[in-house]
Amino acid sequence: MSTETTGAAPKPRVGFIGLGRMGFPMAANIAAAGFPLSVWNRTASKAEALAAQTGAAAASSPEALAGSVDVLITMVADGRVLLDLYTGGGGVCGALREGALCADMSTVNPDESRRAAAAVEAAGGRFVDAPVSGSTPLAEAGTLTIMAGGRAEDLERLRPVFDAMSSRIYHMGPLGAGATTKLAVNTVVYGLGQSVAEALVMAEAAGLEREAVYEVFANSAVGAPFVHYRREIFLTPDEVPPPFSMVLAKKDLDLALALADSAGASLPQAVLNRSVLMEAIRAGYGEDDMSAVAEYLRSARAGEK
């Protein structure tokens, strides 16, 4: 693996594709840790903004980026985009260096991870699926949780780069295990989010103050990290940029339910949670944060009066 030297320590050249709400701060933390960084994003202005902020190089295409790095990280919207990069028009596999390490940190179907991995390995590279758990503030702080699938030795080689973005790294098993774990985690997250929204609106309807009720949530048996770091978006939804859209939440539940079906498992709560998301999306909340289920329920209640 070729390297550049920053100070006394050699650092691999890292490429990062996908600079959305999570990807932008993740890539910025890699640059801040001293790794020579190149970035590409479909909306070029995001890559240019990160380059101006961090000193990273903005690549002209995914193919150009792939040919210039030792470690390639992708953080994209869905499996279709992922597979286009690795097996379609993105041209990544045709440009990869021999022995390059690729890590996908997106939320995709495990089979999509394995298909991308097969293309990478046929091109002489190595692949790890390594989705993350955590919010945009945790991405900014570099304290995400990473769930990885793939060879242990590949994960160890990636660990210095992952350490720049995370506080916990779990090796879950072979390729696809990271993606599977992420879908399991998200199934819980969306169930908890739905429960918080419903309970908060119920308490408000019964005459209680939103802030007081949420304070009890945060300091009771249900006070999971999710409840704490989503306090602001639940309490003042009009004042906080949406960290994770309802459309993407519905996509994740589609993936979880498809995985459950293929594995012969039952997810009745996830079925119900997805149906509520679909109702809220049809009502115009699709680009709002997933916590806007509470706003949807408030509006539905107001309409019943």
Protein backbone atom coordinates (compact mmCIF):
# COMPACT_ATOMS: atom_id res chain seq x y z
CA MET A 1 0.00 0.00 0.00
CA SER A 2 1.51 3.31 -1.01
CA THR A 3 1.58 6.07 1.57
CA GLU A 4 2.31 9.70 2.14
CA THR A 5 4.07 10.89 5.26
CA THR A 6 2.48 13.49 7.50
CA GLY A 7 4.96 14.37 10.23
CA ALA A 8 6.54 11.12 11.46
CA ALA A 9 3.69 8.73 10.67
CA PRO A 10 2.97 7.31 7.21
CA LYS A 11 -0.67 7.67 6.23
CA PRO A 12 -2.55 5.86 3.46
CA ARG A 13 -4.19 8.00 0.78
CA VAL A 14 -7.94 7.97 1.45
CA GLY A 15 -10.77 8.63 -0.97
CA PHE A 16 -14.31 9.42 0.19
CA ILE A 17 -17.41 9.29 -2.03
CA GLY A 18 -20.72 10.65 -0.73
CA LEU A 19 -20.78 13.94 1.18
CA GLY A 20 -24.31 14.07 2.54
CA ARG A 21 -25.37 15.01 6.07
CA MET A 22 -23.29 12.19 7.53
CA GLY A 23 -20.58 11.81 4.92
CA PHE A 24 -19.41 15.42 4.99
CA PRO A 25 -18.41 15.48 8.68
CA MET A 26 -17.05 11.93 8.47
CA ALA A 27 -14.74 12.92 5.62
CA ALA A 28 -13.77 16.13 7.41
CA ASN A 29 -12.67 14.10 10.44
CA ILE A 30 -10.49 11.89 8.25
CA ALA A 31 -8.75 14.99 6.89
CA ALA A 32 -8.41 16.41 10.41
CA ALA A 33 -6.65 13.20 11.48
CA GLY A 34 -3.95 13.90 8.92
CA PHE A 35 -4.83 11.47 6.15
CA PRO A 36 -4.22 12.70 2.59
CA LEU A 37 -7.83 12.90 1.39
CA SER A 38 -9.57 13.07 -1.99
CA VAL A 39 -13.35 13.44 -2.22
CA TRP A 40 -16.08 13.17 -4.81
CA ASN A 41 -19.78 13.94 -4.62
CA ARG A 42 -22.50 13.94 -7.24
CA THR A 43 -23.18 17.57 -6.32
CA ALA A 44 -19.72 18.97 -6.98
CA SER A 45 -20.21 22.03 -4.77
CA LYS A 46 -20.17 19.82 -1.66
CA ALA A 47 -16.81 18.34 -2.62
CA GLU A 48 -15.48 21.81 -3.34
CA ALA A 49 -16.74 23.08 0.02
CA LEU A 50 -15.07 20.24 1.90
CA ALA A 51 -11.86 20.76 -0.06
CA ALA A 52 -11.87 24.46 0.85
CA GLN A 53 -12.56 23.66 4.51
CA THR A 54 -10.02 20.86 4.97
CA GLY A 55 -7.44 21.06 2.20
CA ALA A 56 -8.66 17.81 0.64
CA ALA A 57 -8.53 17.34 -3.13
CA ALA A 58 -11.82 17.35 -5.06
CA ALA A 59 -11.67 14.55 -7.66
CA SER A 60 -13.19 14.97 -11.10
CA SER A 61 -14.96 11.58 -11.06
CA PRO A 62 -15.31 8.40 -8.97
CA GLU A 63 -12.98 6.66 -11.41
CA ALA A 64 -10.29 9.33 -11.04
CA LEU A 65 -10.58 9.17 -7.27
CA ALA A 66 -10.38 5.36 -7.15
CA GLY A 67 -7.17 5.36 -9.16
CA SER A 68 -5.38 7.69 -6.76
CA VAL A 69 -6.05 6.20 -3.30
CA ASP A 70 -5.15 3.25 -1.09
CA VAL A 71 -8.40 3.29 0.91
CA LEU A 72 -11.76 4.09 -0.69
CA ILE A 73 -14.79 4.84 1.48
CA THR A 74 -18.34 5.16 0.18
CA MET A 75 -21.24 6.70 2.10
CA VAL A 76 -24.15 6.85 -0.36
CA ALA A 77 -27.94 6.94 -0.30
CA ASP A 78 -28.79 3.37 -1.26
CA GLY A 79 -27.68 0.12 -2.84
CA ARG A 80 -28.51 1.26 -6.35
CA VAL A 81 -26.00 4.08 -6.09
CA LEU A 82 -23.45 1.78 -4.45
CA LEU A 83 -23.64 -0.83 -7.18
CA ASP A 84 -23.52 1.79 -9.92
CA LEU A 85 -20.21 3.01 -8.46
CA TYR A 86 -18.65 -0.43 -8.23
CA THR A 87 -20.30 -2.41 -11.02
CA GLY A 88 -21.82 0.22 -13.33
CA GLY A 89 -21.07 3.60 -14.78
CA GLY A 90 -19.07 4.81 -11.79
CA GLY A 91 -16.04 2.97 -13.07
CA VAL A 92 -14.50 2.44 -9.64
CA CYS A 93 -13.42 -1.18 -10.05
CA GLY A 94 -11.73 -0.51 -13.37
CA ALA A 95 -9.48 2.06 -11.72
CA LEU A 96 -8.70 0.50 -8.33
CA ARG A 97 -5.08 -0.02 -7.38
CA GLU A 98 -3.97 -3.58 -6.68
CA GLY A 99 -4.62 -4.31 -3.00
CA ALA A 100 -6.79 -1.25 -2.44
CA LEU A 101 -9.11 -1.41 0.56
CA CYS A 102 -12.73 -0.43 0.00
CA ALA A 103 -15.18 0.21 2.84
CA ASP A 104 -18.85 0.95 2.31
CA MET A 105 -20.45 2.76 5.24
CA SER A 106 -23.92 3.18 3.71
CA THR A 107 -27.14 1.49 4.84
CA VAL A 108 -27.81 -1.14 2.18
CA ASN A 109 -29.01 -4.71 1.79
CA PRO A 110 -26.36 -7.29 2.80
CA ASP A 111 -26.61 -8.88 -0.66
CA GLU A 112 -25.77 -5.50 -2.23
CA SER A 113 -22.69 -5.31 -0.01
CA ARG A 114 -21.63 -8.78 -1.12
CA ARG A 115 -22.16 -7.93 -4.80
CA ALA A 116 -20.01 -4.82 -4.45
CA ALA A 117 -17.39 -6.88 -2.62
CA ALA A 118 -17.29 -9.49 -5.39
CA ALA A 119 -16.63 -6.77 -7.97
CA VAL A 120 -13.88 -5.22 -5.86
CA GLU A 121 -12.14 -8.52 -5.21
CA ALA A 122 -12.32 -9.48 -8.89
CA ALA A 123 -10.47 -6.22 -9.53
CA GLY A 124 -7.73 -7.11 -7.03
CA GLY A 125 -9.01 -5.11 -4.08
CA ARG A 126 -10.46 -5.95 -0.66
CA PHE A 127 -13.85 -4.93 0.71
CA VAL A 128 -15.41 -4.37 4.14
CA ASP A 129 -19.03 -3.42 4.77
CA ALA A 130 -18.96 -0.98 7.68
CA PRO A 131 -22.19 0.97 8.21
CA VAL A 132 -22.43 3.40 11.09
CA SER A 133 -24.87 4.13 13.88
CA GLY A 134 -25.28 7.65 15.22
CA SER A 135 -26.63 11.08 14.40
CA THR A 136 -25.12 14.02 12.53
CA PRO A 137 -23.77 15.52 15.82
CA LEU A 138 -21.99 12.22 16.53
CA ALA A 139 -20.58 12.21 13.00
CA GLU A 140 -19.28 15.74 13.60
CA ALA A 141 -17.76 14.68 16.93
CA GLY A 142 -16.13 11.59 15.42
CA THR A 143 -17.91 9.29 17.87
CA LEU A 144 -19.99 7.07 15.59
CA THR A 145 -20.37 3.33 16.13
CA ILE A 146 -19.10 1.16 13.25
CA MET A 147 -20.43 -2.35 12.58
CA ALA A 148 -18.11 -4.17 10.19
CA GLY A 149 -18.35 -7.30 8.09
CA GLY A 150 -15.42 -8.85 6.26
CA ARG A 151 -11.96 -10.24 6.96
CA ALA A 152 -10.50 -9.37 10.36
CA GLU A 153 -7.15 -8.45 8.79
CA ASP A 154 -8.81 -5.99 6.43
CA LEU A 155 -10.65 -4.34 9.31
CA GLU A 156 -7.39 -4.00 11.22
CA ARG A 157 -5.79 -2.23 8.28
CA LEU A 158 -8.78 0.12 8.11
CA ARG A 159 -8.90 0.75 11.85
CA PRO A 160 -6.68 3.90 11.86
CA VAL A 161 -9.02 5.54 9.33
CA PHE A 162 -12.13 4.33 11.15
CA ASP A 163 -10.76 5.65 14.44
CA ALA A 164 -10.94 9.17 12.97
CA MET A 165 -14.72 8.80 12.64
CA SER A 166 -15.79 6.58 15.50
CA SER A 167 -15.50 5.72 19.16
CA ARG A 168 -16.55 2.06 18.83
CA ILE A 169 -15.76 -0.50 16.12
CA TYR A 170 -17.36 -3.95 16.14
CA HIS A 171 -16.36 -6.83 13.87
CA MET A 172 -19.65 -8.65 13.34
CA GLY A 173 -18.53 -11.46 11.04
CA PRO A 174 -18.10 -12.12 7.31
CA LEU A 175 -19.11 -9.83 4.45
CA GLY A 176 -22.68 -8.63 4.86
CA ALA A 177 -22.65 -8.96 8.65
CA GLY A 178 -22.16 -5.22 9.14
CA ALA A 179 -25.09 -4.40 6.87
CA THR A 180 -27.27 -6.97 8.64
CA THR A 181 -26.42 -5.52 12.05
CA LYS A 182 -27.16 -1.98 10.86
CA LEU A 183 -30.63 -3.00 9.69
CA ALA A 184 -31.27 -4.66 13.06
CA VAL A 185 -30.18 -1.49 14.87
CA ASN A 186 -32.32 0.72 12.65
CA THR A 187 -35.35 -1.47 13.25
CA VAL A 188 -35.03 -0.64 16.95
CA VAL A 189 -34.30 3.04 16.26
CA TYR A 190 -37.45 3.53 14.19
CA GLY A 191 -39.55 1.66 16.73
CA LEU A 192 -38.23 3.91 19.49
CA GLY A 193 -38.71 7.02 17.39
CA GLN A 194 -42.31 6.09 16.64
CA SER A 195 -42.96 5.40 20.33
CA VAL A 196 -41.49 8.73 21.44
CA ALA A 197 -43.58 10.59 18.86
CA GLU A 198 -46.81 8.87 19.85
CA ALA A 199 -46.27 9.21 23.59
CA LEU A 200 -45.24 12.86 23.35
CA VAL A 201 -48.33 13.78 21.33
CA MET A 202 -50.56 11.80 23.70
CA ALA A 203 -49.17 13.66 26.72
CA GLU A 204 -49.62 17.02 24.97
CA ALA A 205 -53.19 16.13 24.06
CA ALA A 206 -53.84 15.36 27.72
CA GLY A 207 -52.67 18.85 28.68
CA LEU A 208 -49.01 18.37 29.62
CA GLU A 209 -46.11 20.57 28.48
CA ARG A 210 -43.93 19.03 25.77
CA GLU A 211 -40.63 20.04 27.37
CA ALA A 212 -41.58 18.68 30.80
CA VAL A 213 -42.65 15.34 29.38
CA TYR A 214 -39.50 14.99 27.30
CA GLU A 215 -37.36 15.76 30.36
CA VAL A 216 -38.94 12.76 32.08
CA PHE A 217 -38.40 10.59 28.98
CA ALA A 218 -34.70 11.50 28.98
CA ASN A 219 -34.29 10.61 32.67
CA SER A 220 -36.47 7.54 32.88
CA ALA A 221 -36.18 3.90 31.85
CA VAL A 222 -36.61 4.93 28.18
CA GLY A 223 -33.77 7.47 28.25
CA ALA A 224 -31.62 5.79 25.58
CA PRO A 225 -28.88 7.81 23.82
CA PHE A 226 -31.35 8.23 20.93
CA VAL A 227 -33.77 10.07 23.22
CA HIS A 228 -31.01 12.40 24.43
CA TYR A 229 -29.46 13.35 21.10
CA ARG A 230 -32.87 13.84 19.46
CA ARG A 231 -34.26 16.07 22.17
CA GLU A 232 -33.92 19.28 20.15
CA ILE A 233 -35.57 17.97 16.98
CA PHE A 234 -38.53 16.61 18.98
CA LEU A 235 -38.97 19.76 21.08
CA THR A 236 -38.39 22.47 18.44
CA PRO A 237 -38.82 20.78 15.05
CA ASP A 238 -39.16 24.07 13.18
CA GLU A 239 -35.77 25.30 14.40
CA VAL A 240 -33.56 22.29 13.59
CA PRO A 241 -32.43 21.16 10.12
CA PRO A 242 -33.72 17.62 9.54
CA PRO A 243 -30.84 15.21 10.26
CA PHE A 244 -32.50 12.16 8.65
CA SER A 245 -35.42 12.34 6.27
CA MET A 246 -38.55 10.27 6.61
CA VAL A 247 -38.08 8.98 3.04
CA LEU A 248 -34.71 7.49 4.02
CA ALA A 249 -36.20 6.00 7.19
CA LYS A 250 -38.85 4.30 5.10
CA LYS A 251 -36.11 3.00 2.76
CA ASP A 252 -34.29 1.46 5.70
CA LEU A 253 -37.44 -0.26 6.94
CA ASP A 254 -38.04 -1.61 3.43
CA LEU A 255 -34.55 -3.14 3.58
CA ALA A 256 -35.09 -4.56 7.08
CA LEU A 257 -38.40 -6.12 6.12
CA ALA A 258 -36.92 -7.62 2.95
CA LEU A 259 -34.07 -9.09 5.00
CA ALA A 260 -36.52 -10.47 7.56
CA ASP A 261 -38.56 -12.07 4.80
CA SER A 262 -35.49 -13.73 3.28
CA ALA A 263 -34.37 -14.96 6.72
CA GLY A 264 -37.81 -16.27 7.70
CA ALA A 265 -38.18 -13.77 10.56
CA SER A 266 -41.22 -11.70 11.54
CA LEU A 267 -41.13 -7.94 12.20
CA PRO A 268 -44.74 -6.96 12.99
CA GLN A 269 -43.77 -3.72 14.74
CA ALA A 270 -41.61 -2.69 11.79
CA VAL A 271 -44.54 -3.32 9.46
CA LEU A 272 -46.68 -0.96 11.53
CA ASN A 273 -43.93 1.66 11.81
CA ARG A 274 -43.43 1.65 8.05
CA SER A 275 -47.17 2.07 7.46
CA VAL A 276 -47.21 5.19 9.66
CA LEU A 277 -44.17 6.58 7.83
CA MET A 278 -45.90 5.99 4.52
CA GLU A 279 -48.99 7.85 5.75
CA ALA A 280 -46.84 10.78 6.89
CA ILE A 281 -44.93 10.82 3.60
CA ARG A 282 -48.19 10.93 1.65
CA ALA A 283 -49.26 13.84 3.89
CA GLY A 284 -46.18 15.81 2.76
CA TYR A 285 -43.63 15.08 5.50
CA GLY A 286 -41.27 12.97 3.40
CA GLU A 287 -38.32 15.37 3.43
CA ASP A 288 -38.78 16.25 7.11
CA ASP A 289 -36.88 14.41 9.80
CA MET A 290 -38.23 11.03 10.83
CA SER A 291 -39.26 12.58 14.17
CA ALA A 292 -41.83 14.58 12.20
CA VAL A 293 -44.14 11.62 12.76
CA ALA A 294 -45.05 13.64 15.85
CA GLU A 295 -45.95 16.65 13.70
CA TYR A 296 -47.99 14.39 11.43
CA LEU A 297 -49.88 13.00 14.42
CA ARG A 298 -50.49 16.52 15.77
CA SER A 299 -51.88 17.64 12.42
CA ALA A 300 -54.04 14.53 12.12
CA ARG A 301 -55.44 15.16 15.60
CA ALA A 302 -56.14 18.81 14.78
CA GLY A 303 -57.99 17.72 11.66
CA GLU A 304 -60.26 15.49 13.69
CA LYS A 305 -61.53 18.35 15.85
